PDB file of N, CA and C in Angstrom:
ATOM      1  N   MET A   1       0.839  -1.175   0.000  1.00  0.00           N
ATOM      2  CA  MET A   1       0.000   0.000   0.000  1.00  0.00           C
ATOM      3  C   MET A   1       0.894   1.251   0.000  1.00  0.00           C
ATOM      4  N   PRO A   2       0.598   2.235  -0.835  1.00  0.00           N
ATOM      5  CA  PRO A   2       1.439   3.436  -0.907  1.00  0.00           C
ATOM      6  C   PRO A   2       1.300   4.295   0.347  1.00  0.00           C
ATOM      7  N   ASP A   3       2.382   5.005   0.669  1.00  0.00           N
ATOM      8  CA  ASP A   3       2.373   5.914   1.816  1.00  0.00           C
ATOM      9  C   ASP A   3       1.471   7.101   1.481  1.00  0.00           C
ATOM     10  N   LEU A   4       0.538   7.410   2.354  1.00  0.00           N
ATOM     11  CA  LEU A   4      -0.405   8.494   2.113  1.00  0.00           C
ATOM     12  C   LEU A   4       0.000   9.789   2.805  1.00  0.00           C
ATOM     13  N   THR A   5       1.277   9.839   3.224  1.00  0.00           N
ATOM     14  CA  THR A   5       1.800  11.048   3.851  1.00  0.00           C
ATOM     15  C   THR A   5       3.082  11.457   3.147  1.00  0.00           C
ATOM     16  N   ARG A   6       3.466  12.702   3.374  1.00  0.00           N
ATOM     17  CA  ARG A   6       4.753  13.211   2.888  1.00  0.00           C
ATOM     18  C   ARG A   6       5.477  13.840   4.060  1.00  0.00           C
ATOM     19  N   ASN A   7       6.759  13.621   4.132  1.00  0.00           N
ATOM     20  CA  ASN A   7       7.593  14.178   5.194  1.00  0.00           C
ATOM     21  C   ASN A   7       7.963  15.611   4.800  1.00  0.00           C
ATOM     22  N   LEU A   8       7.257  16.576   5.372  1.00  0.00           N
ATOM     23  CA  LEU A   8       7.412  17.987   5.022  1.00  0.00           C
ATOM     24  C   LEU A   8       7.443  18.837   6.287  1.00  0.00           C
ATOM     25  N   PRO A   9       7.889  20.082   6.166  1.00  0.00           N
ATOM     26  CA  PRO A   9       7.859  20.967   7.336  1.00  0.00           C
ATOM     27  C   PRO A   9       6.429  21.192   7.830  1.00  0.00           C
ATOM     28  N   LEU A  10       6.262  21.225   9.139  1.00  0.00           N
ATOM     29  CA  LEU A  10       4.960  21.522   9.728  1.00  0.00           C
ATOM     30  C   LEU A  10       4.426  22.841   9.172  1.00  0.00           C
ATOM     31  N   GLY A  11       5.317  23.771   8.904  1.00  0.00           N
ATOM     32  CA  GLY A  11       4.929  25.083   8.381  1.00  0.00           C
ATOM     33  C   GLY A  11       4.413  25.072   6.954  1.00  0.00           C
ATOM     34  N   THR A  12       4.288  23.903   6.352  1.00  0.00           N
ATOM     35  CA  THR A  12       3.722  23.824   5.010  1.00  0.00           C
ATOM     36  C   THR A  12       2.345  24.485   4.981  1.00  0.00           C
ATOM     37  N   PHE A  13       1.559  24.286   6.037  1.00  0.00           N
ATOM     38  CA  PHE A  13       0.269  24.986   6.118  1.00  0.00           C
ATOM     39  C   PHE A  13      -0.071  25.460   7.533  1.00  0.00           C
ATOM     40  N   VAL A  14       0.889  25.399   8.452  1.00  0.00           N
ATOM     41  CA  VAL A  14       0.662  25.854   9.826  1.00  0.00           C
ATOM     42  C   VAL A  14       1.505  27.101  10.077  1.00  0.00           C
ATOM     43  N   GLN A  15       0.865  28.129  10.602  1.00  0.00           N
ATOM     44  CA  GLN A  15       1.537  29.376  10.958  1.00  0.00           C
ATOM     45  C   GLN A  15       1.884  29.350  12.449  1.00  0.00           C
ATOM     46  N   ALA A  16       2.758  30.272  12.880  1.00  0.00           N
ATOM     47  CA  ALA A  16       3.162  30.272  14.289  1.00  0.00           C
ATOM     48  C   ALA A  16       3.528  31.667  14.772  1.00  0.00           C
ATOM     49  N   ARG A  17       3.376  31.823  16.057  1.00  0.00           N
ATOM     50  CA  ARG A  17       3.877  33.002  16.768  1.00  0.00           C
ATOM     51  C   ARG A  17       4.284  32.514  18.151  1.00  0.00           C
ATOM     52  N   SER A  18       5.390  33.001  18.643  1.00  0.00           N
ATOM     53  CA  SER A  18       5.875  32.517  19.934  1.00  0.00           C
ATOM     54  C   SER A  18       6.478  33.645  20.742  1.00  0.00           C
ATOM     55  N   GLY A  19       6.644  33.370  22.025  1.00  0.00           N
ATOM     56  CA  GLY A  19       7.241  34.348  22.925  1.00  0.00           C
ATOM     57  C   GLY A  19       7.391  33.775  24.309  1.00  0.00           C
ATOM     58  N   ASP A  20       7.738  34.660  25.237  1.00  0.00           N
ATOM     59  CA  ASP A  20       8.002  34.208  26.604  1.00  0.00           C
ATOM     60  C   ASP A  20       6.925  34.697  27.546  1.00  0.00           C
ATOM     61  N   LYS A  21       6.702  33.909  28.556  1.00  0.00           N
ATOM     62  CA  LYS A  21       5.849  34.264  29.689  1.00  0.00           C
ATOM     63  C   LYS A  21       6.680  33.960  30.929  1.00  0.00           C
ATOM     64  N   GLY A  22       7.599  34.868  31.268  1.00  0.00           N
ATOM     65  CA  GLY A  22       8.552  34.604  32.345  1.00  0.00           C
ATOM     66  C   GLY A  22       9.495  33.507  31.900  1.00  0.00           C
ATOM     67  N   GLY A  23       9.565  32.418  32.656  1.00  0.00           N
ATOM     68  CA  GLY A  23      10.425  31.297  32.293  1.00  0.00           C
ATOM     69  C   GLY A  23       9.757  30.280  31.383  1.00  0.00           C
ATOM     70  N   ASP A  24       8.503  30.539  31.031  1.00  0.00           N
ATOM     71  CA  ASP A  24       7.755  29.614  30.181  1.00  0.00           C
ATOM     72  C   ASP A  24       7.747  30.113  28.744  1.00  0.00           C
ATOM     73  N   ALA A  25       7.754  29.172  27.799  1.00  0.00           N
ATOM     74  CA  ALA A  25       7.642  29.516  26.382  1.00  0.00           C
ATOM     75  C   ALA A  25       6.206  29.295  25.941  1.00  0.00           C
ATOM     76  N   ASN A  26       5.726  30.205  25.118  1.00  0.00           N
ATOM     77  CA  ASN A  26       4.362  30.160  24.606  1.00  0.00           C
ATOM     78  C   ASN A  26       4.430  30.115  23.082  1.00  0.00           C
ATOM     79  N   ILE A  27       3.731  29.145  22.485  1.00  0.00           N
ATOM     80  CA  ILE A  27       3.707  29.012  21.029  1.00  0.00           C
ATOM     81  C   ILE A  27       2.247  28.911  20.587  1.00  0.00           C
ATOM     82  N   GLY A  28       1.865  29.764  19.673  1.00  0.00           N
ATOM     83  CA  GLY A  28       0.561  29.659  19.045  1.00  0.00           C
ATOM     84  C   GLY A  28       0.734  29.094  17.655  1.00  0.00           C
ATOM     85  N   LEU A  29       0.025  28.021  17.338  1.00  0.00           N
ATOM     86  CA  LEU A  29       0.042  27.435  16.001  1.00  0.00           C
ATOM     87  C   LEU A  29      -1.369  27.508  15.446  1.00  0.00           C
ATOM     88  N   TRP A  30      -1.500  27.877  14.168  1.00  0.00           N
ATOM     89  CA  TRP A  30      -2.822  27.962  13.577  1.00  0.00           C
ATOM     90  C   TRP A  30      -2.759  27.687  12.075  1.00  0.00           C
ATOM     91  N   VAL A  31      -3.917  27.319  11.563  1.00  0.00           N
ATOM     92  CA  VAL A  31      -4.091  27.087  10.137  1.00  0.00           C
ATOM     93  C   VAL A  31      -4.788  28.309   9.564  1.00  0.00           C
ATOM     94  N   GLY A  32      -4.183  28.897   8.550  1.00  0.00           N
ATOM     95  CA  GLY A  32      -4.783  30.067   7.914  1.00  0.00           C
ATOM     96  C   GLY A  32      -5.886  29.674   6.941  1.00  0.00           C
ATOM     97  N   GLN A  33      -6.419  30.670   6.284  1.00  0.00           N
ATOM     98  CA  GLN A  33      -7.446  30.425   5.274  1.00  0.00           C
ATOM     99  C   GLN A  33      -6.807  29.730   4.075  1.00  0.00           C
ATOM    100  N   GLY A  34      -7.596  28.989   3.348  1.00  0.00           N
ATOM    101  CA  GLY A  34      -7.080  28.339   2.155  1.00  0.00           C
ATOM    102  C   GLY A  34      -7.739  26.995   1.934  1.00  0.00           C
ATOM    103  N   PRO A  35      -7.216  26.268   0.954  1.00  0.00           N
ATOM    104  CA  PRO A  35      -7.817  24.967   0.635  1.00  0.00           C
ATOM    105  C   PRO A  35      -7.697  23.991   1.807  1.00  0.00           C
ATOM    106  N   HIS A  36      -8.707  23.184   1.971  1.00  0.00           N
ATOM    107  CA  HIS A  36      -8.725  22.125   2.984  1.00  0.00           C
ATOM    108  C   HIS A  36      -8.646  22.667   4.408  1.00  0.00           C
ATOM    109  N   ARG A  37      -9.050  23.908   4.634  1.00  0.00           N
ATOM    110  CA  ARG A  37      -8.852  24.520   5.950  1.00  0.00           C
ATOM    111  C   ARG A  37      -9.449  23.696   7.086  1.00  0.00           C
ATOM    112  N   GLU A  38     -10.700  23.310   6.974  1.00  0.00           N
ATOM    113  CA  GLU A  38     -11.341  22.580   8.067  1.00  0.00           C
ATOM    114  C   GLU A  38     -10.637  21.249   8.346  1.00  0.00           C
ATOM    115  N   ALA A  39     -10.268  20.542   7.295  1.00  0.00           N
ATOM    116  CA  ALA A  39      -9.563  19.267   7.471  1.00  0.00           C
ATOM    117  C   ALA A  39      -8.173  19.493   8.060  1.00  0.00           C
ATOM    118  N   ARG A  40      -7.503  20.569   7.653  1.00  0.00           N
ATOM    119  CA  ARG A  40      -6.184  20.889   8.205  1.00  0.00           C
ATOM    120  C   ARG A  40      -6.275  21.235   9.691  1.00  0.00           C
ATOM    121  N   VAL A  41      -7.304  21.994  10.053  1.00  0.00           N
ATOM    122  CA  VAL A  41      -7.504  22.349  11.468  1.00  0.00           C
ATOM    123  C   VAL A  41      -7.712  21.077  12.285  1.00  0.00           C
ATOM    124  N   GLN A  42      -8.577  20.196  11.808  1.00  0.00           N
ATOM    125  CA  GLN A  42      -8.841  18.958  12.542  1.00  0.00           C
ATOM    126  C   GLN A  42      -7.571  18.126  12.671  1.00  0.00           C
ATOM    127  N   TRP A  43      -6.783  18.064  11.594  1.00  0.00           N
ATOM    128  CA  TRP A  43      -5.521  17.328  11.644  1.00  0.00           C
ATOM    129  C   TRP A  43      -4.606  17.931  12.716  1.00  0.00           C
ATOM    130  N   LEU A  44      -4.467  19.266  12.752  1.00  0.00           N
ATOM    131  CA  LEU A  44      -3.602  19.921  13.730  1.00  0.00           C
ATOM    132  C   LEU A  44      -4.064  19.619  15.151  1.00  0.00           C
ATOM    133  N   LEU A  45      -5.362  19.716  15.393  1.00  0.00           N
ATOM    134  CA  LEU A  45      -5.896  19.448  16.726  1.00  0.00           C
ATOM    135  C   LEU A  45      -5.663  17.999  17.148  1.00  0.00           C
ATOM    136  N   ASP A  46      -5.780  17.069  16.197  1.00  0.00           N
ATOM    137  CA  ASP A  46      -5.558  15.651  16.501  1.00  0.00           C
ATOM    138  C   ASP A  46      -4.069  15.316  16.618  1.00  0.00           C
ATOM    139  N   PHE A  47      -3.235  15.963  15.821  1.00  0.00           N
ATOM    140  CA  PHE A  47      -1.809  15.666  15.746  1.00  0.00           C
ATOM    141  C   PHE A  47      -1.060  16.088  17.008  1.00  0.00           C
ATOM    142  N   LEU A  48      -1.352  17.292  17.498  1.00  0.00           N
ATOM    143  CA  LEU A  48      -0.565  17.828  18.610  1.00  0.00           C
ATOM    144  C   LEU A  48      -0.954  17.191  19.936  1.00  0.00           C
ATOM    145  N   THR A  49       0.046  16.659  20.583  1.00  0.00           N
ATOM    146  CA  THR A  49      -0.063  16.122  21.938  1.00  0.00           C
ATOM    147  C   THR A  49       1.175  16.613  22.685  1.00  0.00           C
ATOM    148  N   PRO A  50       1.192  16.541  24.008  1.00  0.00           N
ATOM    149  CA  PRO A  50       2.422  16.908  24.714  1.00  0.00           C
ATOM    150  C   PRO A  50       3.634  16.096  24.230  1.00  0.00           C
ATOM    151  N   GLU A  51       3.440  14.815  23.916  1.00  0.00           N
ATOM    152  CA  GLU A  51       4.556  13.987  23.449  1.00  0.00           C
ATOM    153  C   GLU A  51       5.084  14.478  22.098  1.00  0.00           C
ATOM    154  N   ILE A  52       4.184  14.839  21.190  1.00  0.00           N
ATOM    155  CA  ILE A  52       4.603  15.357  19.884  1.00  0.00           C
ATOM    156  C   ILE A  52       5.349  16.673  20.056  1.00  0.00           C
ATOM    157  N   VAL A  53       4.857  17.551  20.925  1.00  0.00           N
ATOM    158  CA  VAL A  53       5.546  18.825  21.172  1.00  0.00           C
ATOM    159  C   VAL A  53       6.958  18.550  21.681  1.00  0.00           C
ATOM    160  N   ARG A  54       7.100  17.577  22.563  1.00  0.00           N
ATOM    161  CA  ARG A  54       8.439  17.241  23.083  1.00  0.00           C
ATOM    162  C   ARG A  54       9.340  16.696  21.975  1.00  0.00           C
ATOM    163  N   GLN A  55       8.787  16.025  20.986  1.00  0.00           N
ATOM    164  CA  GLN A  55       9.584  15.564  19.843  1.00  0.00           C
ATOM    165  C   GLN A  55       9.984  16.749  18.960  1.00  0.00           C
ATOM    166  N   LEU A  56       9.067  17.681  18.772  1.00  0.00           N
ATOM    167  CA  LEU A  56       9.344  18.856  17.941  1.00  0.00           C
ATOM    168  C   LEU A  56      10.335  19.798  18.613  1.00  0.00           C
ATOM    169  N   VAL A  57      10.297  19.859  19.944  1.00  0.00           N
ATOM    170  CA  VAL A  57      11.188  20.718  20.734  1.00  0.00           C
ATOM    171  C   VAL A  57      11.917  19.811  21.718  1.00  0.00           C
ATOM    172  N   PRO A  58      12.997  19.158  21.281  1.00  0.00           N
ATOM    173  CA  PRO A  58      13.660  18.154  22.126  1.00  0.00           C
ATOM    174  C   PRO A  58      14.110  18.659  23.491  1.00  0.00           C
ATOM    175  N   GLU A  59      14.451  19.945  23.615  1.00  0.00           N
ATOM    176  CA  GLU A  59      14.887  20.446  24.922  1.00  0.00           C
ATOM    177  C   GLU A  59      13.740  20.527  25.918  1.00  0.00           C
ATOM    178  N   ALA A  60      12.521  20.246  25.462  1.00  0.00           N
ATOM    179  CA  ALA A  60      11.356  20.205  26.349  1.00  0.00           C
ATOM    180  C   ALA A  60      11.042  18.784  26.811  1.00  0.00           C
ATOM    181  N   ALA A  61      11.929  17.840  26.529  1.00  0.00           N
ATOM    182  CA  ALA A  61      11.669  16.420  26.803  1.00  0.00           C
ATOM    183  C   ALA A  61      11.248  16.152  28.244  1.00  0.00           C
ATOM    184  N   SER A  62      11.814  16.863  29.198  1.00  0.00           N
ATOM    185  CA  SER A  62      11.495  16.594  30.605  1.00  0.00           C
ATOM    186  C   SER A  62      10.596  17.668  31.222  1.00  0.00           C
ATOM    187  N   LEU A  63      10.061  18.544  30.368  1.00  0.00           N
ATOM    188  CA  LEU A  63       9.285  19.668  30.885  1.00  0.00           C
ATOM    189  C   LEU A  63       7.782  19.440  30.747  1.00  0.00           C
ATOM    190  N   GLU A  64       7.030  20.176  31.536  1.00  0.00           N
ATOM    191  CA  GLU A  64       5.568  20.131  31.453  1.00  0.00           C
ATOM    192  C   GLU A  64       5.113  20.897  30.212  1.00  0.00           C
ATOM    193  N   VAL A  65       4.277  20.245  29.419  1.00  0.00           N
ATOM    194  CA  VAL A  65       3.725  20.850  28.203  1.00  0.00           C
ATOM    195  C   VAL A  65       2.206  20.881  28.334  1.00  0.00           C
ATOM    196  N   GLU A  66       1.641  22.071  28.166  1.00  0.00           N
ATOM    197  CA  GLU A  66       0.184  22.236  28.230  1.00  0.00           C
ATOM    198  C   GLU A  66      -0.317  22.658  26.854  1.00  0.00           C
ATOM    199  N   LEU A  67      -1.415  22.037  26.412  1.00  0.00           N
ATOM    200  CA  LEU A  67      -2.032  22.372  25.129  1.00  0.00           C
ATOM    201  C   LEU A  67      -3.416  22.954  25.374  1.00  0.00           C
ATOM    202  N   TYR A  68      -3.717  24.026  24.655  1.00  0.00           N
ATOM    203  CA  TYR A  68      -5.022  24.658  24.745  1.00  0.00           C
ATOM    204  C   TYR A  68      -5.598  24.759  23.333  1.00  0.00           C
ATOM    205  N   PRO A  69      -6.436  23.783  22.933  1.00  0.00           N
ATOM    206  CA  PRO A  69      -7.031  23.824  21.590  1.00  0.00           C
ATOM    207  C   PRO A  69      -8.014  24.993  21.468  1.00  0.00           C
ATOM    208  N   LEU A  70      -7.973  25.644  20.326  1.00  0.00           N
ATOM    209  CA  LEU A  70      -8.880  26.749  20.019  1.00  0.00           C
ATOM    210  C   LEU A  70      -9.519  26.447  18.659  1.00  0.00           C
ATOM    211  N   PRO A  71     -10.408  25.463  18.599  1.00  0.00           N
ATOM    212  CA  PRO A  71     -10.919  24.987  17.313  1.00  0.00           C
ATOM    213  C   PRO A  71     -11.629  26.051  16.491  1.00  0.00           C
ATOM    214  N   ASN A  72     -12.343  26.977  17.128  1.00  0.00           N
ATOM    215  CA  ASN A  72     -13.037  28.016  16.364  1.00  0.00           C
ATOM    216  C   ASN A  72     -12.066  28.971  15.669  1.00  0.00           C
ATOM    217  N   LEU A  73     -10.850  29.046  16.185  1.00  0.00           N
ATOM    218  CA  LEU A  73      -9.812  29.874  15.564  1.00  0.00           C
ATOM    219  C   LEU A  73      -8.891  29.045  14.666  1.00  0.00           C
ATOM    220  N   GLY A  74      -9.070  27.725  14.666  1.00  0.00           N
ATOM    221  CA  GLY A  74      -8.190  26.853  13.897  1.00  0.00           C
ATOM    222  C   GLY A  74      -6.801  26.815  14.489  1.00  0.00           C
ATOM    223  N   ALA A  75      -6.707  26.857  15.822  1.00  0.00           N
ATOM    224  CA  ALA A  75      -5.424  27.050  16.471  1.00  0.00           C
ATOM    225  C   ALA A  75      -5.257  26.189  17.717  1.00  0.00           C
ATOM    226  N   VAL A  76      -3.998  26.125  18.149  1.00  0.00           N
ATOM    227  CA  VAL A  76      -3.634  25.496  19.416  1.00  0.00           C
ATOM    228  C   VAL A  76      -2.601  26.401  20.079  1.00  0.00           C
ATOM    229  N   ASN A  77      -2.796  26.674  21.355  1.00  0.00           N
ATOM    230  CA  ASN A  77      -1.800  27.404  22.125  1.00  0.00           C
ATOM    231  C   ASN A  77      -1.016  26.377  22.942  1.00  0.00           C
ATOM    232  N   ILE A  78       0.296  26.486  22.910  1.00  0.00           N
ATOM    233  CA  ILE A  78       1.182  25.554  23.603  1.00  0.00           C
ATOM    234  C   ILE A  78       1.970  26.336  24.645  1.00  0.00           C
ATOM    235  N   LEU A  79       2.003  25.808  25.845  1.00  0.00           N
ATOM    236  CA  LEU A  79       2.798  26.397  26.914  1.00  0.00           C
ATOM    237  C   LEU A  79       3.805  25.353  27.369  1.00  0.00           C
ATOM    238  N   ILE A  80       5.088  25.703  27.286  1.00  0.00           N
ATOM    239  CA  ILE A  80       6.154  24.804  27.742  1.00  0.00           C
ATOM    240  C   ILE A  80       6.734  25.414  29.010  1.00  0.00           C
ATOM    241  N   ARG A  81       6.406  24.804  30.136  1.00  0.00           N
ATOM    242  CA  ARG A  81       6.803  25.324  31.441  1.00  0.00           C
ATOM    243  C   ARG A  81       8.306  25.150  31.672  1.00  0.00           C
ATOM    244  N   GLY A  82       8.962  26.243  32.017  1.00  0.00           N
ATOM    245  CA  GLY A  82      10.362  26.188  32.409  1.00  0.00           C
ATOM    246  C   GLY A  82      11.378  26.139  31.277  1.00  0.00           C
ATOM    247  N   LEU A  83      10.943  26.200  30.029  1.00  0.00           N
ATOM    248  CA  LEU A  83      11.891  26.118  28.909  1.00  0.00           C
ATOM    249  C   LEU A  83      12.913  27.249  28.951  1.00  0.00           C
ATOM    250  N   LEU A  84      12.519  28.399  29.459  1.00  0.00           N
ATOM    251  CA  LEU A  84      13.394  29.574  29.473  1.00  0.00           C
ATOM    252  C   LEU A  84      14.040  29.808  30.834  1.00  0.00           C
ATOM    253  N   GLY A  85      14.041  28.778  31.666  1.00  0.00           N
ATOM    254  CA  GLY A  85      14.674  28.886  32.984  1.00  0.00           C
ATOM    255  C   GLY A  85      13.994  29.927  33.841  1.00  0.00           C
ATOM    256  N   ASP A  86      14.761  30.885  34.331  1.00  0.00           N
ATOM    257  CA  ASP A  86      14.222  31.935  35.193  1.00  0.00           C
ATOM    258  C   ASP A  86      13.741  33.160  34.407  1.00  0.00           C
ATOM    259  N   GLY A  87      13.704  33.063  33.089  1.00  0.00           N
ATOM    260  CA  GLY A  87      13.224  34.169  32.268  1.00  0.00           C
ATOM    261  C   GLY A  87      14.347  34.873  31.536  1.00  0.00           C
ATOM    262  N   VAL A  88      13.965  35.842  30.713  1.00  0.00           N
ATOM    263  CA  VAL A  88      14.905  36.493  29.804  1.00  0.00           C
ATOM    264  C   VAL A  88      16.092  37.138  30.517  1.00  0.00           C
ATOM    265  N   ALA A  89      15.883  37.744  31.641  1.00  0.00           N
ATOM    266  CA  ALA A  89      16.969  38.448  32.334  1.00  0.00           C
ATOM    267  C   ALA A  89      17.991  37.493  32.926  1.00  0.00           C
ATOM    268  N   ALA A  90      17.619  36.233  33.095  1.00  0.00           N
ATOM    269  CA  ALA A  90      18.517  35.267  33.725  1.00  0.00           C
ATOM    270  C   ALA A  90      18.934  34.154  32.772  1.00  0.00           C
ATOM    271  N   SER A  91      18.648  34.324  31.488  1.00  0.00           N
ATOM    272  CA  SER A  91      18.879  33.228  30.550  1.00  0.00           C
ATOM    273  C   SER A  91      20.066  33.491  29.639  1.00  0.00           C
ATOM    274  N   ALA A  92      20.821  32.447  29.391  1.00  0.00           N
ATOM    275  CA  ALA A  92      21.919  32.518  28.431  1.00  0.00           C
ATOM    276  C   ALA A  92      21.542  31.806  27.128  1.00  0.00           C
ATOM    277  N   ARG A  93      20.262  31.434  26.987  1.00  0.00           N
ATOM    278  CA  ARG A  93      19.779  30.770  25.766  1.00  0.00           C
ATOM    279  C   ARG A  93      20.010  31.656  24.558  1.00  0.00           C
ATOM    280  N   PHE A  94      20.174  31.036  23.412  1.00  0.00           N
ATOM    281  CA  PHE A  94      20.312  31.759  22.155  1.00  0.00           C
ATOM    282  C   PHE A  94      19.068  32.612  21.890  1.00  0.00           C
ATOM    283  N   ASP A  95      17.906  32.096  22.240  1.00  0.00           N
ATOM    284  CA  ASP A  95      16.634  32.771  22.013  1.00  0.00           C
ATOM    285  C   ASP A  95      15.913  32.925  23.354  1.00  0.00           C
ATOM    286  N   PRO A  96      16.388  33.802  24.233  1.00  0.00           N
ATOM    287  CA  PRO A  96      15.875  33.854  25.604  1.00  0.00           C
ATOM    288  C   PRO A  96      14.413  34.273  25.723  1.00  0.00           C
ATOM    289  N   GLN A  97      13.853  34.896  24.686  1.00  0.00           N
ATOM    290  CA  GLN A  97      12.447  35.295  24.720  1.00  0.00           C
ATOM    291  C   GLN A  97      11.572  34.365  23.884  1.00  0.00           C
ATOM    292  N   ALA A  98      12.151  33.311  23.325  1.00  0.00           N
ATOM    293  CA  ALA A  98      11.440  32.321  22.515  1.00  0.00           C
ATOM    294  C   ALA A  98      10.773  32.926  21.285  1.00  0.00           C
ATOM    295  N   LYS A  99      11.282  34.039  20.793  1.00  0.00           N
ATOM    296  CA  LYS A  99      10.683  34.685  19.623  1.00  0.00           C
ATOM    297  C   LYS A  99      10.852  33.838  18.364  1.00  0.00           C
ATOM    298  N   GLY A 100      11.929  33.075  18.273  1.00  0.00           N
ATOM    299  CA  GLY A 100      12.167  32.231  17.103  1.00  0.00           C
ATOM    300  C   GLY A 100      11.641  30.813  17.250  1.00  0.00           C
ATOM    301  N   LEU A 101      11.103  30.479  18.412  1.00  0.00           N
ATOM    302  CA  LEU A 101      10.676  29.108  18.674  1.00  0.00           C
ATOM    303  C   LEU A 101       9.561  28.660  17.729  1.00  0.00           C
ATOM    304  N   GLY A 102       8.628  29.544  17.440  1.00  0.00           N
ATOM    305  CA  GLY A 102       7.537  29.192  16.529  1.00  0.00           C
ATOM    306  C   GLY A 102       8.046  28.831  15.147  1.00  0.00           C
ATOM    307  N   GLU A 103       9.011  29.594  14.646  1.00  0.00           N
ATOM    308  CA  GLU A 103       9.582  29.283  13.327  1.00  0.00           C
ATOM    309  C   GLU A 103      10.383  27.988  13.368  1.00  0.00           C
ATOM    310  N   TRP A 104      11.048  27.722  14.482  1.00  0.00           N
ATOM    311  CA  TRP A 104      11.759  26.451  14.638  1.00  0.00           C
ATOM    312  C   TRP A 104      10.775  25.286  14.547  1.00  0.00           C
ATOM    313  N   VAL A 105       9.658  25.401  15.259  1.00  0.00           N
ATOM    314  CA  VAL A 105       8.647  24.344  15.234  1.00  0.00           C
ATOM    315  C   VAL A 105       8.091  24.190  13.820  1.00  0.00           C
ATOM    316  N   ARG A 106       7.845  25.294  13.122  1.00  0.00           N
ATOM    317  CA  ARG A 106       7.341  25.229  11.741  1.00  0.00           C
ATOM    318  C   ARG A 106       8.333  24.539  10.807  1.00  0.00           C
ATOM    319  N   SER A 107       9.614  24.617  11.106  1.00  0.00           N
ATOM    320  CA  SER A 107      10.632  24.022  10.232  1.00  0.00           C
ATOM    321  C   SER A 107      10.781  22.515  10.427  1.00  0.00           C
ATOM    322  N   ARG A 108      10.237  21.999  11.506  1.00  0.00           N
ATOM    323  CA  ARG A 108      10.401  20.581  11.831  1.00  0.00           C
ATOM    324  C   ARG A 108       9.620  19.708  10.851  1.00  0.00           C
ATOM    325  N   LEU A 109      10.234  18.614  10.432  1.00  0.00           N
ATOM    326  CA  LEU A 109       9.594  17.697   9.487  1.00  0.00           C
ATOM    327  C   LEU A 109       8.603  16.790  10.202  1.00  0.00           C
ATOM    328  N   VAL A 110       7.417  16.689   9.622  1.00  0.00           N
ATOM    329  CA  VAL A 110       6.361  15.827  10.133  1.00  0.00           C
ATOM    330  C   VAL A 110       5.714  15.117   8.949  1.00  0.00           C
ATOM    331  N   HIS A 111       4.982  14.067   9.238  1.00  0.00           N
ATOM    332  CA  HIS A 111       4.264  13.339   8.183  1.00  0.00           C
ATOM    333  C   HIS A 111       2.911  14.000   7.965  1.00  0.00           C
ATOM    334  N   LEU A 112       2.791  14.727   6.852  1.00  0.00           N
ATOM    335  CA  LEU A 112       1.554  15.406   6.525  1.00  0.00           C
ATOM    336  C   LEU A 112       0.730  14.557   5.562  1.00  0.00           C
ATOM    337  N   PRO A 113      -0.563  14.392   5.833  1.00  0.00           N
ATOM    338  CA  PRO A 113      -1.414  13.643   4.919  1.00  0.00           C
ATOM    339  C   PRO A 113      -1.448  14.302   3.540  1.00  0.00           C
ATOM    340  N   GLN A 114      -1.259  13.526   2.510  1.00  0.00           N
ATOM    341  CA  GLN A 114      -1.222  14.079   1.149  1.00  0.00           C
ATOM    342  C   GLN A 114      -2.511  14.804   0.775  1.00  0.00           C
ATOM    343  N   GLU A 115      -3.652  14.333   1.291  1.00  0.00           N
ATOM    344  CA  GLU A 115      -4.917  14.970   0.912  1.00  0.00           C
ATOM    345  C   GLU A 115      -5.056  16.383   1.459  1.00  0.00           C
ATOM    346  N   LEU A 116      -4.176  16.770   2.389  1.00  0.00           N
ATOM    347  CA  LEU A 116      -4.228  18.136   2.954  1.00  0.00           C
ATOM    348  C   LEU A 116      -3.293  19.100   2.237  1.00  0.00           C
ATOM    349  N   LEU A 117      -2.510  18.587   1.305  1.00  0.00           N
ATOM    350  CA  LEU A 117      -1.521  19.438   0.614  1.00  0.00           C
ATOM    351  C   LEU A 117      -2.133  20.151  -0.576  1.00  0.00           C
TER     352      LEU A 117
END
């Protein structure tokens, strides 16, 4: 049976915005307008779990991950507790405010269903 998915960046049809909330990282992921929007939204809501987020952001492997689905907006808000340590003023991270984290997550390769492309 042929593979019905393609290994592509999550950002193929998912947008992102990220930032810091003290020592916690906040990532908003959403599906914009366009073809297959409703099916893409449902896929995103079903796909994202705390375990998947930890795979997408390996440095969160031992951290608490909270997901807040926003189906009417076609979005999910992700909170990664403690990713930024004590916050921007106390962090030596390359991205201490997590401003680039959303784009990093969008760049990660995932198996996207071909019918959503």
